[in-house]
C-alpha atoms as a PDB file:
ATOM      1  CA  UNK A   1     107.251 161.857 127.968  1.00  0.00           C
ATOM      2  CA  UNK A   2     104.770 164.677 127.398  1.00  0.00           C
ATOM      3  CA  UNK A   3     104.046 167.549 125.068  1.00  0.00           C
ATOM      4  CA  UNK A   4     102.534 171.013 125.463  1.00  0.00           C
ATOM      5  CA  UNK A   5      99.391 171.215 123.323  1.00  0.00           C
ATOM      6  CA  UNK A   6      97.170 174.320 123.353  1.00  0.00           C
ATOM      7  CA  UNK A   7      97.863 175.218 126.950  1.00  0.00           C
ATOM      8  CA  UNK A   8      97.773 171.646 128.253  1.00  0.00           C
ATOM      9  CA  UNK A   9     100.462 169.095 129.060  1.00  0.00           C
ATOM     10  CA  UNK A  10      99.628 165.850 127.253  1.00  0.00           C
ATOM     11  CA  UNK A  11     101.516 162.732 128.429  1.00  0.00           C
ATOM     12  CA  UNK A  12     102.498 160.138 125.838  1.00  0.00           C
ATOM     13  CA  UNK A  13     104.117 157.633 128.169  1.00  0.00           C
ATOM     14  CA  UNK A  14     103.182 153.983 128.607  1.00  0.00           C
ATOM     15  CA  UNK A  15     100.810 154.615 131.531  1.00  0.00           C
ATOM     16  CA  UNK A  16      98.871 157.317 129.669  1.00  0.00           C
ATOM     17  CA  UNK A  17      98.575 155.166 126.561  1.00  0.00           C
ATOM     18  CA  UNK A  18      97.527 152.104 128.565  1.00  0.00           C
ATOM     19  CA  UNK A  19      94.800 154.118 130.267  1.00  0.00           C
ATOM     20  CA  UNK A  20      93.602 155.562 126.963  1.00  0.00           C
ATOM     21  CA  UNK A  21      93.515 152.079 125.363  1.00  0.00           C
ATOM     22  CA  UNK A  22      91.606 150.623 128.293  1.00  0.00           C
ATOM     23  CA  UNK A  23      94.516 148.760 129.922  1.00  0.00           C
ATOM     24  CA  UNK A  24      94.823 145.962 127.337  1.00  0.00           C
ATOM     25  CA  UNK A  25      97.615 144.323 129.378  1.00  0.00           C
ATOM     26  CA  UNK A  26      98.378 144.814 133.067  1.00  0.00           C
ATOM     27  CA  UNK A  27     101.890 143.872 134.212  1.00  0.00           C
ATOM     28  CA  UNK A  28     103.635 144.049 137.548  1.00  0.00           C
ATOM     29  CA  UNK A  29     106.481 146.517 137.979  1.00  0.00           C
ATOM     30  CA  UNK A  30     109.535 145.227 136.143  1.00  0.00           C
ATOM     31  CA  UNK A  31     107.546 142.467 134.430  1.00  0.00           C
ATOM     32  CA  UNK A  32     107.797 142.034 130.670  1.00  0.00           C
ATOM     33  CA  UNK A  33     105.270 140.636 128.245  1.00  0.00           C
ATOM     34  CA  UNK A  34     105.991 137.281 126.618  1.00  0.00           C
ATOM     35  CA  UNK A  35     106.820 138.921 123.307  1.00  0.00           C
ATOM     36  CA  UNK A  36     109.489 141.162 124.888  1.00  0.00           C
ATOM     37  CA  UNK A  37     110.961 138.237 126.791  1.00  0.00           C
ATOM     38  CA  UNK A  38     111.316 136.177 123.623  1.00  0.00           C
ATOM     39  CA  UNK A  39     112.669 139.144 121.665  1.00  0.00           C
ATOM     40  CA  UNK A  40     115.407 139.740 124.237  1.00  0.00           C
ATOM     41  CA  UNK A  41     116.609 136.141 123.981  1.00  0.00           C
ATOM     42  CA  UNK A  42     119.290 135.241 121.461  1.00  0.00           C
ATOM     43  CA  UNK A  43     117.236 132.294 120.153  1.00  0.00           C
ATOM     44  CA  UNK A  44     113.831 133.551 121.221  1.00  0.00           C
ATOM     45  CA  UNK A  45     112.131 133.105 117.854  1.00  0.00           C
ATOM     46  CA  UNK A  46     112.361 130.138 115.504  1.00  0.00           C
ATOM     47  CA  UNK A  47     112.548 131.667 112.021  1.00  0.00           C
ATOM     48  CA  UNK A  48     111.533 128.388 110.412  1.00  0.00           C
ATOM     49  CA  UNK A  49     108.381 128.295 112.534  1.00  0.00           C
ATOM     50  CA  UNK A  50     107.647 131.929 111.657  1.00  0.00           C
ATOM     51  CA  UNK A  51     107.894 131.169 107.933  1.00  0.00           C
ATOM     52  CA  UNK A  52     105.610 128.154 108.210  1.00  0.00           C
ATOM     53  CA  UNK A  53     102.948 130.116 110.081  1.00  0.00           C
ATOM     54  CA  UNK A  54     103.056 133.421 108.186  1.00  0.00           C
ATOM     55  CA  UNK A  55     103.697 132.225 104.618  1.00  0.00           C
ATOM     56  CA  UNK A  56     101.484 130.428 102.172  1.00  0.00           C
ATOM     57  CA  UNK A  57     102.616 126.833 101.489  1.00  0.00           C
ATOM     58  CA  UNK A  58     105.885 126.596  99.588  1.00  0.00           C
ATOM     59  CA  UNK A  59     107.014 130.168 100.377  1.00  0.00           C
ATOM     60  CA  UNK A  60     109.638 131.517 102.774  1.00  0.00           C
ATOM     61  CA  UNK A  61     111.495 134.650 103.811  1.00  0.00           C
ATOM     62  CA  UNK A  62     113.302 136.636 101.141  1.00  0.00           C
ATOM     63  CA  UNK A  63     117.060 136.087 101.537  1.00  0.00           C
ATOM     64  CA  UNK A  64     118.939 138.749  99.578  1.00  0.00           C
ATOM     65  CA  UNK A  65     121.936 138.902 101.928  1.00  0.00           C
ATOM     66  CA  UNK A  66     124.151 135.843 102.429  1.00  0.00           C
ATOM     67  CA  UNK A  67     121.165 133.532 102.811  1.00  0.00           C
ATOM     68  CA  UNK A  68     119.833 135.333 105.888  1.00  0.00           C
ATOM     69  CA  UNK A  69     116.091 135.636 106.359  1.00  0.00           C
ATOM     70  CA  UNK A  70     115.357 139.338 105.972  1.00  0.00           C
ATOM     71  CA  UNK A  71     111.670 139.888 105.178  1.00  0.00           C
ATOM     72  CA  UNK A  72     108.499 138.231 103.948  1.00  0.00           C
ATOM     73  CA  UNK A  73     106.924 139.635 100.815  1.00  0.00           C
ATOM     74  CA  UNK A  74     103.237 140.441 101.030  1.00  0.00           C
ATOM     75  CA  UNK A  75     102.526 138.226  98.024  1.00  0.00           C
ATOM     76  CA  UNK A  76     103.845 135.251  99.994  1.00  0.00           C
ATOM     77  CA  UNK A  77     101.726 135.836 103.128  1.00  0.00           C
ATOM     78  CA  UNK A  78      98.569 134.076 104.206  1.00  0.00           C
ATOM     79  CA  UNK A  79      95.308 136.014 104.447  1.00  0.00           C
ATOM     80  CA  UNK A  80      95.569 136.102 108.233  1.00  0.00           C
ATOM     81  CA  UNK A  81      99.139 137.429 108.111  1.00  0.00           C
ATOM     82  CA  UNK A  82      98.209 140.164 105.627  1.00  0.00           C
ATOM     83  CA  UNK A  83      95.289 141.207 107.824  1.00  0.00           C
ATOM     84  CA  UNK A  84      97.421 141.527 110.948  1.00  0.00           C
ATOM     85  CA  UNK A  85     100.114 143.271 108.904  1.00  0.00           C
ATOM     86  CA  UNK A  86      97.553 145.895 107.834  1.00  0.00           C
ATOM     87  CA  UNK A  87      96.500 146.494 111.422  1.00  0.00           C
ATOM     88  CA  UNK A  88     100.109 146.533 112.626  1.00  0.00           C
ATOM     89  CA  UNK A  89     101.323 149.075 110.069  1.00  0.00           C
ATOM     90  CA  UNK A  90      98.268 151.294 110.560  1.00  0.00           C
ATOM     91  CA  UNK A  91      97.783 151.333 114.329  1.00  0.00           C
ATOM     92  CA  UNK A  92     100.784 149.936 116.198  1.00  0.00           C
ATOM     93  CA  UNK A  93     103.992 150.494 114.201  1.00  0.00           C
ATOM     94  CA  UNK A  94     102.954 152.958 111.459  1.00  0.00           C
ATOM     95  CA  UNK A  95     104.612 152.666 108.080  1.00  0.00           C
ATOM     96  CA  UNK A  96     103.601 153.537 104.534  1.00  0.00           C
ATOM     97  CA  UNK A  97     105.726 150.667 103.213  1.00  0.00           C
ATOM     98  CA  UNK A  98     103.418 147.655 103.061  1.00  0.00           C
ATOM     99  CA  UNK A  99     104.811 145.498 100.263  1.00  0.00           C
ATOM    100  CA  UNK A 100     106.767 143.346 102.725  1.00  0.00           C
ATOM    101  CA  UNK A 101     107.320 142.825 106.439  1.00  0.00           C
ATOM    102  CA  UNK A 102     110.849 142.830 107.927  1.00  0.00           C
ATOM    103  CA  UNK A 103     111.925 140.115 110.321  1.00  0.00           C
ATOM    104  CA  UNK A 104     111.354 142.040 113.624  1.00  0.00           C
ATOM    105  CA  UNK A 105     107.764 142.810 112.652  1.00  0.00           C
ATOM    106  CA  UNK A 106     107.302 139.230 111.453  1.00  0.00           C
ATOM    107  CA  UNK A 107     108.269 138.173 114.966  1.00  0.00           C
ATOM    108  CA  UNK A 108     105.564 140.443 116.374  1.00  0.00           C
ATOM    109  CA  UNK A 109     102.889 139.031 114.053  1.00  0.00           C
ATOM    110  CA  UNK A 110     104.058 135.529 114.974  1.00  0.00           C
ATOM    111  CA  UNK A 111     103.741 136.400 118.676  1.00  0.00           C
ATOM    112  CA  UNK A 112     100.185 137.644 118.093  1.00  0.00           C
ATOM    113  CA  UNK A 113      99.134 134.580 116.105  1.00  0.00           C
ATOM    114  CA  UNK A 114     100.583 132.228 118.713  1.00  0.00           C
ATOM    115  CA  UNK A 115      98.734 134.178 121.433  1.00  0.00           C
ATOM    116  CA  UNK A 116     101.746 135.497 123.321  1.00  0.00           C
ATOM    117  CA  UNK A 117     101.066 138.468 125.576  1.00  0.00           C
ATOM    118  CA  UNK A 118     102.100 141.726 123.871  1.00  0.00           C
ATOM    119  CA  UNK A 119     102.411 145.089 125.636  1.00  0.00           C
ATOM    120  CA  UNK A 120     100.840 147.181 122.875  1.00  0.00           C
ATOM    121  CA  UNK A 121     101.045 150.431 124.846  1.00  0.00           C
ATOM    122  CA  UNK A 122     104.805 149.973 125.274  1.00  0.00           C
ATOM    123  CA  UNK A 123     105.278 149.348 121.551  1.00  0.00           C
ATOM    124  CA  UNK A 124     103.303 152.475 120.671  1.00  0.00           C
ATOM    125  CA  UNK A 125     105.144 154.601 123.251  1.00  0.00           C
ATOM    126  CA  UNK A 126     108.502 153.446 121.868  1.00  0.00           C
ATOM    127  CA  UNK A 127     107.370 154.205 118.319  1.00  0.00           C
ATOM    128  CA  UNK A 128     106.173 157.705 119.281  1.00  0.00           C
ATOM    129  CA  UNK A 129     109.525 158.363 120.941  1.00  0.00           C
ATOM    130  CA  UNK A 130     111.332 157.309 117.755  1.00  0.00           C
ATOM    131  CA  UNK A 131     109.053 159.451 115.595  1.00  0.00           C
ATOM    132  CA  UNK A 132     109.631 162.469 117.827  1.00  0.00           C
ATOM    133  CA  UNK A 133     113.418 162.019 117.736  1.00  0.00           C
ATOM    134  CA  UNK A 134     113.734 161.550 113.996  1.00  0.00           C
ATOM    135  CA  UNK A 135     115.683 164.384 112.350  1.00  0.00           C
ATOM    136  CA  UNK A 136     113.524 166.280 109.860  1.00  0.00           C
ATOM    137  CA  UNK A 137     114.285 165.941 106.186  1.00  0.00           C
ATOM    138  CA  UNK A 138     113.651 168.800 103.816  1.00  0.00           C
ATOM    139  CA  UNK A 139     110.853 168.614 101.321  1.00  0.00           C
ATOM    140  CA  UNK A 140     112.308 168.104  97.810  1.00  0.00           C
ATOM    141  CA  UNK A 141     110.184 170.923  96.329  1.00  0.00           C
ATOM    142  CA  UNK A 142     109.702 173.337  99.232  1.00  0.00           C
ATOM    143  CA  UNK A 143     112.801 173.818 101.480  1.00  0.00           C
ATOM    144  CA  UNK A 144     110.665 175.503 104.138  1.00  0.00           C
ATOM    145  CA  UNK A 145     108.623 172.351 104.664  1.00  0.00           C
ATOM    146  CA  UNK A 146     109.595 169.117 106.348  1.00  0.00           C
ATOM    147  CA  UNK A 147     109.172 165.727 104.735  1.00  0.00           C
ATOM    148  CA  UNK A 148     108.969 163.824 108.024  1.00  0.00           C
ATOM    149  CA  UNK A 149     106.043 161.470 108.464  1.00  0.00           C
ATOM    150  CA  UNK A 150     103.584 161.918 111.314  1.00  0.00           C
ATOM    151  CA  UNK A 151     102.852 158.761 113.244  1.00  0.00           C
ATOM    152  CA  UNK A 152      99.649 157.976 115.160  1.00  0.00           C
ATOM    153  CA  UNK A 153      97.664 161.084 114.125  1.00  0.00           C
ATOM    154  CA  UNK A 154      94.313 159.596 115.208  1.00  0.00           C
ATOM    155  CA  UNK A 155      95.676 158.193 118.482  1.00  0.00           C
ATOM    156  CA  UNK A 156      97.388 161.455 119.440  1.00  0.00           C
ATOM    157  CA  UNK A 157      94.300 163.469 118.505  1.00  0.00           C
ATOM    158  CA  UNK A 158      92.108 161.211 120.622  1.00  0.00           C
ATOM    159  CA  UNK A 159      94.561 161.367 123.524  1.00  0.00           C
ATOM    160  CA  UNK A 160      94.608 165.168 123.395  1.00  0.00           C
ATOM    161  CA  UNK A 161      90.832 165.232 123.308  1.00  0.00           C
ATOM    162  CA  UNK A 162      90.643 162.963 126.378  1.00  0.00           C
ATOM    163  CA  UNK A 163      92.658 165.601 128.303  1.00  0.00           C
ATOM    164  CA  UNK A 164      90.274 168.378 127.342  1.00  0.00           C
ATOM    165  CA  UNK A 165      92.068 169.864 124.354  1.00  0.00           C
ATOM    166  CA  UNK A 166      89.507 171.227 121.851  1.00  0.00           C
ATOM    167  CA  UNK A 167      89.711 169.202 118.649  1.00  0.00           C
ATOM    168  CA  UNK A 168      88.392 170.025 115.187  1.00  0.00           C
ATOM    169  CA  UNK A 169      89.343 167.041 112.974  1.00  0.00           C
ATOM    170  CA  UNK A 170      89.965 168.000 109.357  1.00  0.00           C
ATOM    171  CA  UNK A 171      90.524 164.532 107.942  1.00  0.00           C
ATOM    172  CA  UNK A 172      88.327 161.448 107.924  1.00  0.00           C
ATOM    173  CA  UNK A 173      89.774 158.421 109.690  1.00  0.00           C
ATOM    174  CA  UNK A 174      89.975 155.321 107.552  1.00  0.00           C
ATOM    175  CA  UNK A 175      87.174 152.810 108.207  1.00  0.00           C
ATOM    176  CA  UNK A 176      87.915 149.670 110.258  1.00  0.00           C
ATOM    177  CA  UNK A 177      89.137 146.452 108.693  1.00  0.00           C
ATOM    178  CA  UNK A 178      86.128 144.385 107.668  1.00  0.00           C
ATOM    179  CA  UNK A 179      85.607 141.056 105.963  1.00  0.00           C
ATOM    180  CA  UNK A 180      85.010 142.886 102.671  1.00  0.00           C
ATOM    181  CA  UNK A 181      88.366 144.677 103.053  1.00  0.00           C
ATOM    182  CA  UNK A 182      90.113 141.388 103.798  1.00  0.00           C
ATOM    183  CA  UNK A 183      88.593 139.658 100.775  1.00  0.00           C
ATOM    184  CA  UNK A 184      89.586 142.555  98.507  1.00  0.00           C
ATOM    185  CA  UNK A 185      93.077 143.446  99.736  1.00  0.00           C
ATOM    186  CA  UNK A 186      94.378 140.442 101.720  1.00  0.00           C
ATOM    187  CA  UNK A 187      94.050 137.613  99.203  1.00  0.00           C
ATOM    188  CA  UNK A 188      97.348 135.773  98.660  1.00  0.00           C
ATOM    189  CA  UNK A 189      98.873 136.402  95.241  1.00  0.00           C
ATOM    190  CA  UNK A 190     101.722 134.323  93.903  1.00  0.00           C
ATOM    191  CA  UNK A 191     104.839 136.424  93.396  1.00  0.00           C
ATOM    192  CA  UNK A 192     105.801 136.494  89.738  1.00  0.00           C
ATOM    193  CA  UNK A 193     109.446 135.782  90.418  1.00  0.00           C
ATOM    194  CA  UNK A 194     108.609 132.756  92.542  1.00  0.00           C
ATOM    195  CA  UNK A 195     106.057 131.219  90.191  1.00  0.00           C
ATOM    196  CA  UNK A 196     108.488 128.766  88.578  1.00  0.00           C
ATOM    197  CA  UNK A 197     110.029 127.816  91.928  1.00  0.00           C
ATOM    198  CA  UNK A 198     106.617 127.211  93.461  1.00  0.00           C
ATOM    199  CA  UNK A 199     105.651 125.004  90.523  1.00  0.00           C
ATOM    200  CA  UNK A 200     108.729 122.810  91.055  1.00  0.00           C
ATOM    201  CA  UNK A 201     108.456 122.651  94.846  1.00  0.00           C
ATOM    202  CA  UNK A 202     106.379 119.733  96.185  1.00  0.00           C
ATOM    203  CA  UNK A 203     103.398 120.770  98.320  1.00  0.00           C
ATOM    204  CA  UNK A 204     103.728 120.256 102.110  1.00  0.00           C
ATOM    205  CA  UNK A 205     102.011 117.132 103.471  1.00  0.00           C
ATOM    206  CA  UNK A 206      99.098 119.006 105.075  1.00  0.00           C
ATOM    207  CA  UNK A 207      98.520 121.009 101.871  1.00  0.00           C
ATOM    208  CA  UNK A 208      98.679 118.192  99.346  1.00  0.00           C
ATOM    209  CA  UNK A 209      95.156 119.087  98.182  1.00  0.00           C
ATOM    210  CA  UNK A 210      94.431 122.654  99.423  1.00  0.00           C
ATOM    211  CA  UNK A 211      91.215 123.286  97.513  1.00  0.00           C
ATOM    212  CA  UNK A 212      91.014 119.718  96.314  1.00  0.00           C
ATOM    213  CA  UNK A 213      88.535 117.967  94.090  1.00  0.00           C
ATOM    214  CA  UNK A 214      86.203 117.845  97.091  1.00  0.00           C
ATOM    215  CA  UNK A 215      86.288 121.643  97.461  1.00  0.00           C
ATOM    216  CA  UNK A 216      85.790 122.188  93.728  1.00  0.00           C
ATOM    217  CA  UNK A 217      83.009 119.636  93.663  1.00  0.00           C
ATOM    218  CA  UNK A 218      81.146 121.409  96.441  1.00  0.00           C
ATOM    219  CA  UNK A 219      81.532 124.679  94.541  1.00  0.00           C
ATOM    220  CA  UNK A 220      80.139 123.145  91.346  1.00  0.00           C
ATOM    221  CA  UNK A 221      77.244 121.625  93.283  1.00  0.00           C
ATOM    222  CA  UNK A 222      76.512 125.079  94.659  1.00  0.00           C
ATOM    223  CA  UNK A 223      76.437 126.518  91.132  1.00  0.00           C
ATOM    224  CA  UNK A 224      74.110 123.726  90.003  1.00  0.00           C
ATOM    225  CA  UNK A 225      71.720 124.502  92.849  1.00  0.00           C
ATOM    226  CA  UNK A 226      71.841 128.209  92.005  1.00  0.00           C
ATOM    227  CA  UNK A 227      70.991 127.511  88.362  1.00  0.00           C
ATOM    228  CA  UNK A 228      68.145 125.211  89.383  1.00  0.00           C
ATOM    229  CA  UNK A 229      66.770 127.889  91.708  1.00  0.00           C
ATOM    230  CA  UNK A 230      66.960 130.480  88.928  1.00  0.00           C
ATOM    231  CA  UNK A 231      65.105 128.136  86.594  1.00  0.00           C
ATOM    232  CA  UNK A 232      62.348 127.527  89.137  1.00  0.00           C
ATOM    233  CA  UNK A 233      62.000 131.280  89.534  1.00  0.00           C
ATOM    234  CA  UNK A 234      61.700 131.768  85.773  1.00  0.00           C
ATOM    235  CA  UNK A 235      59.067 129.045  85.527  1.00  0.00           C
ATOM    236  CA  UNK A 236      57.069 130.589  88.358  1.00  0.00           C
ATOM    237  CA  UNK A 237      57.324 134.057  86.815  1.00  0.00           C
ATOM    238  CA  UNK A 238      56.100 132.774  83.463  1.00  0.00           C
ATOM    239  CA  UNK A 239      53.219 130.950  85.140  1.00  0.00           C
ATOM    240  CA  UNK A 240      52.128 134.221  86.775  1.00  0.00           C
ATOM    241  CA  UNK A 241      52.328 136.086  83.460  1.00  0.00           C
ATOM    242  CA  UNK A 242      50.359 133.374  81.701  1.00  0.00           C
ATOM    243  CA  UNK A 243      47.588 133.446  84.318  1.00  0.00           C
ATOM    244  CA  UNK A 244      47.552 137.247  84.067  1.00  0.00           C
ATOM    245  CA  UNK A 245      47.100 137.050  80.294  1.00  0.00           C
ATOM    246  CA  UNK A 246      44.165 134.657  80.717  1.00  0.00           C
ATOM    247  CA  UNK A 247      42.595 136.931  83.306  1.00  0.00           C
ATOM    248  CA  UNK A 248      42.924 140.005  81.081  1.00  0.00           C
ATOM    249  CA  UNK A 249      41.425 138.177  78.104  1.00  0.00           C
ATOM    250  CA  UNK A 250      38.430 137.094  80.202  1.00  0.00           C
ATOM    251  CA  UNK A 251      37.841 140.771  81.071  1.00  0.00           C
ATOM    252  CA  UNK A 252      37.756 141.804  77.411  1.00  0.00           C
ATOM    253  CA  UNK A 253      41.274 143.157  77.075  1.00  0.00           C
ATOM    254  CA  UNK A 254      43.210 142.518  73.903  1.00  0.00           C
ATOM    255  CA  UNK A 255      45.278 139.347  74.221  1.00  0.00           C
ATOM    256  CA  UNK A 256      49.040 139.609  74.286  1.00  0.00           C
ATOM    257  CA  UNK A 257      51.352 136.810  73.186  1.00  0.00           C
ATOM    258  CA  UNK A 258      52.261 134.573  76.106  1.00  0.00           C
ATOM    259  CA  UNK A 259      53.207 130.951  75.524  1.00  0.00           C
ATOM    260  CA  UNK A 260      51.539 128.242  77.522  1.00  0.00           C
ATOM    261  CA  UNK A 261      53.579 126.607  80.293  1.00  0.00           C
ATOM    262  CA  UNK A 262      54.154 123.552  78.103  1.00  0.00           C
ATOM    263  CA  UNK A 263      55.402 125.701  75.217  1.00  0.00           C
ATOM    264  CA  UNK A 264      57.639 127.660  77.602  1.00  0.00           C
ATOM    265  CA  UNK A 265      59.236 124.519  79.018  1.00  0.00           C
ATOM    266  CA  UNK A 266      59.750 123.149  75.524  1.00  0.00           C
ATOM    267  CA  UNK A 267      61.389 126.381  74.389  1.00  0.00           C
ATOM    268  CA  UNK A 268      63.687 126.591  77.417  1.00  0.00           C
ATOM    269  CA  UNK A 269      64.555 122.892  77.192  1.00  0.00           C
ATOM    270  CA  UNK A 270      65.741 122.655  80.815  1.00  0.00           C
ATOM    271  CA  UNK A 271      67.908 119.515  81.095  1.00  0.00           C
ATOM    272  CA  UNK A 272      66.271 118.456  84.362  1.00  0.00           C
ATOM    273  CA  UNK A 273      67.770 118.987  87.817  1.00  0.00           C
ATOM    274  CA  UNK A 274      71.050 117.292  88.641  1.00  0.00           C
ATOM    275  CA  UNK A 275      70.535 114.448  91.071  1.00  0.00           C
ATOM    276  CA  UNK A 276      72.492 114.765  94.292  1.00  0.00           C
ATOM    277  CA  UNK A 277      73.563 111.120  94.209  1.00  0.00           C
ATOM    278  CA  UNK A 278      75.177 111.625  90.786  1.00  0.00           C
ATOM    279  CA  UNK A 279      78.073 113.449  92.437  1.00  0.00           C
ATOM    280  CA  UNK A 280      80.527 111.926  94.808  1.00  0.00           C
ATOM    281  CA  UNK A 281      80.808 113.839  98.015  1.00  0.00           C
ATOM    282  CA  UNK A 282      82.313 113.316 101.424  1.00  0.00           C
ATOM    283  CA  UNK A 283      79.961 112.344 104.261  1.00  0.00           C
ATOM    284  CA  UNK A 284      78.624 115.250 106.272  1.00  0.00           C
ATOM    285  CA  UNK A 285      80.324 114.013 109.405  1.00  0.00           C
ATOM    286  CA  UNK A 286      83.750 113.764 107.752  1.00  0.00           C
ATOM    287  CA  UNK A 287      86.272 115.517 109.996  1.00  0.00           C
ATOM    288  CA  UNK A 288      87.845 118.692 108.610  1.00  0.00           C
ATOM    289  CA  UNK A 289      91.482 119.631 108.523  1.00  0.00           C
ATOM    290  CA  UNK A 290      92.439 120.730 112.057  1.00  0.00           C
ATOM    291  CA  UNK A 291      94.758 123.353 110.558  1.00  0.00           C
ATOM    292  CA  UNK A 292      91.861 124.850 108.556  1.00  0.00           C
ATOM    293  CA  UNK A 293      89.684 124.823 111.660  1.00  0.00           C
ATOM    294  CA  UNK A 294      92.382 126.635 113.623  1.00  0.00           C
ATOM    295  CA  UNK A 295      92.751 129.272 110.902  1.00  0.00           C
ATOM    296  CA  UNK A 296      88.964 129.759 110.774  1.00  0.00           C
ATOM    297  CA  UNK A 297      88.883 130.230 114.541  1.00  0.00           C
ATOM    298  CA  UNK A 298      91.730 132.752 114.428  1.00  0.00           C
ATOM    299  CA  UNK A 299      90.057 134.690 111.597  1.00  0.00           C
ATOM    300  CA  UNK A 300      86.812 134.805 113.610  1.00  0.00           C
ATOM    301  CA  UNK A 301      88.698 136.089 116.654  1.00  0.00           C
ATOM    302  CA  UNK A 302      90.478 138.685 114.519  1.00  0.00           C
ATOM    303  CA  UNK A 303      87.268 139.987 112.959  1.00  0.00           C
ATOM    304  CA  UNK A 304      85.722 140.224 116.416  1.00  0.00           C
ATOM    305  CA  UNK A 305      88.764 142.114 117.679  1.00  0.00           C
ATOM    306  CA  UNK A 306      88.689 144.500 114.704  1.00  0.00           C
ATOM    307  CA  UNK A 307      84.980 145.031 115.244  1.00  0.00           C
ATOM    308  CA  UNK A 308      85.578 146.012 118.856  1.00  0.00           C
ATOM    309  CA  UNK A 309      88.267 148.458 117.729  1.00  0.00           C
ATOM    310  CA  UNK A 310      85.917 150.017 115.198  1.00  0.00           C
ATOM    311  CA  UNK A 311      83.237 150.413 117.868  1.00  0.00           C
ATOM    312  CA  UNK A 312      85.517 152.339 120.238  1.00  0.00           C
END
């Protein structure tokens, strides 16, 4: 598969894409990646396992047709699932529809999260072939224009440039996915229609106390320490101002009103620092939830992967 671009044949086949991407997966001739092998099997993917991994506790696939699992709504996804969904729909299987993820793409995200080998170059080549073969639809306002979407504009532009085609980009590529992006756009939100069902459903065993009194207690302790630090800073600032006022008065300058440290403390009426032993807290060596540790490790790996993509 190739295309004639400004006097140059540009290949868009699997080999060309693999070379351009730095050979992310090398397979023998006729060999398939683990994801393709599972996808080609009648019972290759366990939909129940997919729902448990991709959804927040108590949520599942949407089943609008005869009880069949069809898609997962974005509001029901974990942070990690939403992050991979963003990358998937932007760089691998482009789509401007990001409010949910259909079952086939859920299988792909599941394969990624369970560390199956995935032939990314093959997926992209197949998607480009589908984009190229899509019949054009007329623009609703201008019949002379097409309304067909263009997939992989940045990838195709970079591929053309690697073959020597002069490029003058006119649009800025979106910045890479960062932790700030994830915190802003990938935070799970309870679907409004499922709020009553989620309230009635009992929490899974491993999520009986997701944030928990221990998590809230640590947060409150953190706020207490912040307030105490702010107070110490205010006291120190006032002490400096008071010493400055004394110094200026000794040099003959007109005095300005500045309360003594004792008057300042009496006016502020700080209720003393909260003693650490007044709060119950788990011992430092208490083991964490292995599921939380696994999710933290996967998020760290994902951010490292996204950082490497942004650097290339």
